[in-house]
Amino acid sequence: MVYGLANAGARLLAGADRQPYDRIDWSWKNTKVRRLFLDHTLGIADVMVSLELERFTF
């Protein structure tokens, strides 16, 4: 399962970091994601999870 950041989430994160919320339509951007981008992003996430798991096995 893959999730994307939408407008409400972007606004919440900007508020938590006390950063200005730019009016980017995150929901629209999520519809433009293509297979190559998704494969790359999920591959990076797999590597990061593997590194974190290794860190806790020692």
N, C-alpha and C. Protein backbone atom coordinates (compact mmCIF):
# COMPACT_ATOMS: atom_id res chain seq x y z
N MET A 1 0.85 -1.17 0.00
CA MET A 1 0.00 0.00 0.00
C MET A 1 0.89 1.24 0.00
N VAL A 2 0.53 2.21 -0.78
CA VAL A 2 1.31 3.44 -0.89
C VAL A 2 0.40 4.62 -0.58
N TYR A 3 0.93 5.53 0.22
CA TYR A 3 0.18 6.74 0.57
C TYR A 3 0.85 7.95 -0.04
N GLY A 4 0.09 8.99 -0.28
CA GLY A 4 0.64 10.25 -0.77
C GLY A 4 0.20 11.39 0.13
N LEU A 5 0.98 12.44 0.15
CA LEU A 5 0.67 13.61 0.95
C LEU A 5 -0.38 14.45 0.21
N ALA A 6 -1.45 14.78 0.89
CA ALA A 6 -2.50 15.60 0.30
C ALA A 6 -2.51 16.98 0.98
N ASN A 7 -3.42 17.80 0.60
CA ASN A 7 -3.46 19.20 1.08
C ASN A 7 -3.56 19.31 2.60
N ALA A 8 -4.44 18.54 3.21
CA ALA A 8 -4.61 18.64 4.67
C ALA A 8 -3.34 18.22 5.40
N GLY A 9 -2.69 17.17 4.94
CA GLY A 9 -1.45 16.72 5.56
C GLY A 9 -0.32 17.72 5.40
N ALA A 10 -0.22 18.31 4.21
CA ALA A 10 0.81 19.33 3.97
C ALA A 10 0.61 20.53 4.89
N ARG A 11 -0.63 20.93 5.07
CA ARG A 11 -0.95 22.06 5.96
C ARG A 11 -0.59 21.72 7.40
N LEU A 12 -0.89 20.50 7.82
CA LEU A 12 -0.59 20.06 9.19
C LEU A 12 0.92 20.03 9.44
N LEU A 13 1.68 19.47 8.49
CA LEU A 13 3.13 19.42 8.65
C LEU A 13 3.74 20.81 8.66
N ALA A 14 3.26 21.68 7.81
CA ALA A 14 3.78 23.06 7.77
C ALA A 14 3.52 23.75 9.10
N GLY A 15 2.36 23.54 9.67
CA GLY A 15 2.03 24.15 10.96
C GLY A 15 2.89 23.59 12.09
N ALA A 16 3.17 22.30 12.05
CA ALA A 16 3.98 21.67 13.10
C ALA A 16 5.41 22.19 13.07
N ASP A 17 5.91 22.50 11.87
CA ASP A 17 7.28 23.01 11.73
C ASP A 17 7.34 24.52 11.74
N ARG A 18 6.18 25.15 11.96
CA ARG A 18 6.07 26.61 11.93
C ARG A 18 6.63 27.20 10.64
N GLN A 19 6.31 26.53 9.55
CA GLN A 19 6.71 26.97 8.22
C GLN A 19 5.47 27.48 7.48
N PRO A 20 5.64 28.41 6.57
CA PRO A 20 4.48 28.88 5.80
C PRO A 20 3.95 27.76 4.91
N TYR A 21 2.66 27.71 4.80
CA TYR A 21 2.01 26.71 3.94
C TYR A 21 1.80 27.31 2.57
N ASP A 22 2.54 26.83 1.61
CA ASP A 22 2.37 27.30 0.24
C ASP A 22 1.15 26.62 -0.36
N ARG A 23 0.47 27.31 -1.21
CA ARG A 23 -0.75 26.80 -1.82
C ARG A 23 -0.44 25.87 -2.99
N ILE A 24 0.16 24.73 -2.71
CA ILE A 24 0.41 23.71 -3.72
C ILE A 24 -0.72 22.70 -3.62
N ASP A 25 -1.27 22.33 -4.74
CA ASP A 25 -2.34 21.33 -4.73
C ASP A 25 -1.70 19.94 -4.70
N TRP A 26 -1.46 19.45 -3.49
CA TRP A 26 -0.80 18.16 -3.32
C TRP A 26 -1.64 17.02 -3.85
N SER A 27 -2.95 17.12 -3.75
CA SER A 27 -3.82 16.05 -4.26
C SER A 27 -3.64 15.89 -5.76
N TRP A 28 -3.53 17.00 -6.49
CA TRP A 28 -3.33 16.94 -7.93
C TRP A 28 -1.98 16.32 -8.26
N LYS A 29 -0.95 16.70 -7.48
CA LYS A 29 0.39 16.16 -7.72
C LYS A 29 0.40 14.64 -7.56
N ASN A 30 -0.39 14.12 -6.64
CA ASN A 30 -0.41 12.67 -6.42
C ASN A 30 -0.96 11.91 -7.62
N THR A 31 -1.80 12.54 -8.41
CA THR A 31 -2.34 11.85 -9.59
C THR A 31 -1.34 11.80 -10.73
N LYS A 32 -0.28 12.57 -10.65
CA LYS A 32 0.72 12.62 -11.72
C LYS A 32 1.91 11.69 -11.47
N VAL A 33 1.89 10.93 -10.39
CA VAL A 33 2.98 10.01 -10.08
C VAL A 33 2.94 8.84 -11.06
N ARG A 34 4.09 8.51 -11.61
CA ARG A 34 4.16 7.42 -12.58
C ARG A 34 4.98 6.26 -12.02
N ARG A 35 4.95 5.17 -12.71
CA ARG A 35 5.55 3.90 -12.28
C ARG A 35 7.03 4.04 -11.90
N LEU A 36 7.83 4.69 -12.74
CA LEU A 36 9.27 4.81 -12.47
C LEU A 36 9.51 5.54 -11.15
N PHE A 37 8.80 6.62 -10.91
CA PHE A 37 8.93 7.36 -9.66
C PHE A 37 8.55 6.48 -8.47
N LEU A 38 7.44 5.76 -8.62
CA LEU A 38 6.97 4.90 -7.54
C LEU A 38 7.97 3.80 -7.23
N ASP A 39 8.50 3.14 -8.27
CA ASP A 39 9.49 2.08 -8.08
C ASP A 39 10.72 2.61 -7.35
N HIS A 40 11.19 3.79 -7.74
CA HIS A 40 12.36 4.38 -7.10
C HIS A 40 12.08 4.70 -5.63
N THR A 41 10.97 5.34 -5.38
CA THR A 41 10.62 5.74 -4.00
C THR A 41 10.45 4.52 -3.10
N LEU A 42 9.77 3.49 -3.59
CA LEU A 42 9.59 2.28 -2.79
C LEU A 42 10.91 1.54 -2.57
N GLY A 43 11.79 1.58 -3.57
CA GLY A 43 13.11 0.96 -3.41
C GLY A 43 13.92 1.66 -2.33
N ILE A 44 13.89 2.99 -2.33
CA ILE A 44 14.58 3.76 -1.29
C ILE A 44 14.01 3.42 0.09
N ALA A 45 12.70 3.33 0.19
CA ALA A 45 12.06 3.00 1.47
C ALA A 45 12.49 1.61 1.94
N ASP A 46 12.59 0.64 1.03
CA ASP A 46 13.04 -0.70 1.39
C ASP A 46 14.46 -0.67 1.97
N VAL A 47 15.34 0.09 1.34
CA VAL A 47 16.72 0.19 1.83
C VAL A 47 16.74 0.84 3.21
N MET A 48 15.98 1.91 3.39
CA MET A 48 15.96 2.60 4.68
C MET A 48 15.43 1.70 5.79
N VAL A 49 14.39 0.93 5.50
CA VAL A 49 13.84 0.01 6.50
C VAL A 49 14.87 -1.06 6.84
N SER A 50 15.55 -1.59 5.83
CA SER A 50 16.58 -2.60 6.06
C SER A 50 17.70 -2.06 6.94
N LEU A 51 18.12 -0.83 6.69
CA LEU A 51 19.17 -0.23 7.51
C LEU A 51 18.71 -0.04 8.95
N GLU A 52 17.49 0.38 9.14
CA GLU A 52 16.96 0.54 10.50
C GLU A 52 16.87 -0.80 11.22
N LEU A 53 16.44 -1.83 10.53
CA LEU A 53 16.36 -3.15 11.15
C LEU A 53 17.72 -3.66 11.54
N GLU A 54 18.73 -3.44 10.70
CA GLU A 54 20.09 -3.83 11.01
C GLU A 54 20.61 -3.11 12.24
N ARG A 55 20.25 -1.85 12.36
CA ARG A 55 20.71 -1.04 13.49
C ARG A 55 20.25 -1.61 14.82
N PHE A 56 19.07 -2.21 14.83
CA PHE A 56 18.51 -2.72 16.09
C PHE A 56 18.85 -4.18 16.35
N THR A 57 19.58 -4.83 15.46
CA THR A 57 19.91 -6.24 15.69
C THR A 57 21.23 -6.41 16.41
N PHE A 58 22.00 -5.32 16.57
CA PHE A 58 23.29 -5.44 17.25
C PHE A 58 23.17 -5.18 18.71
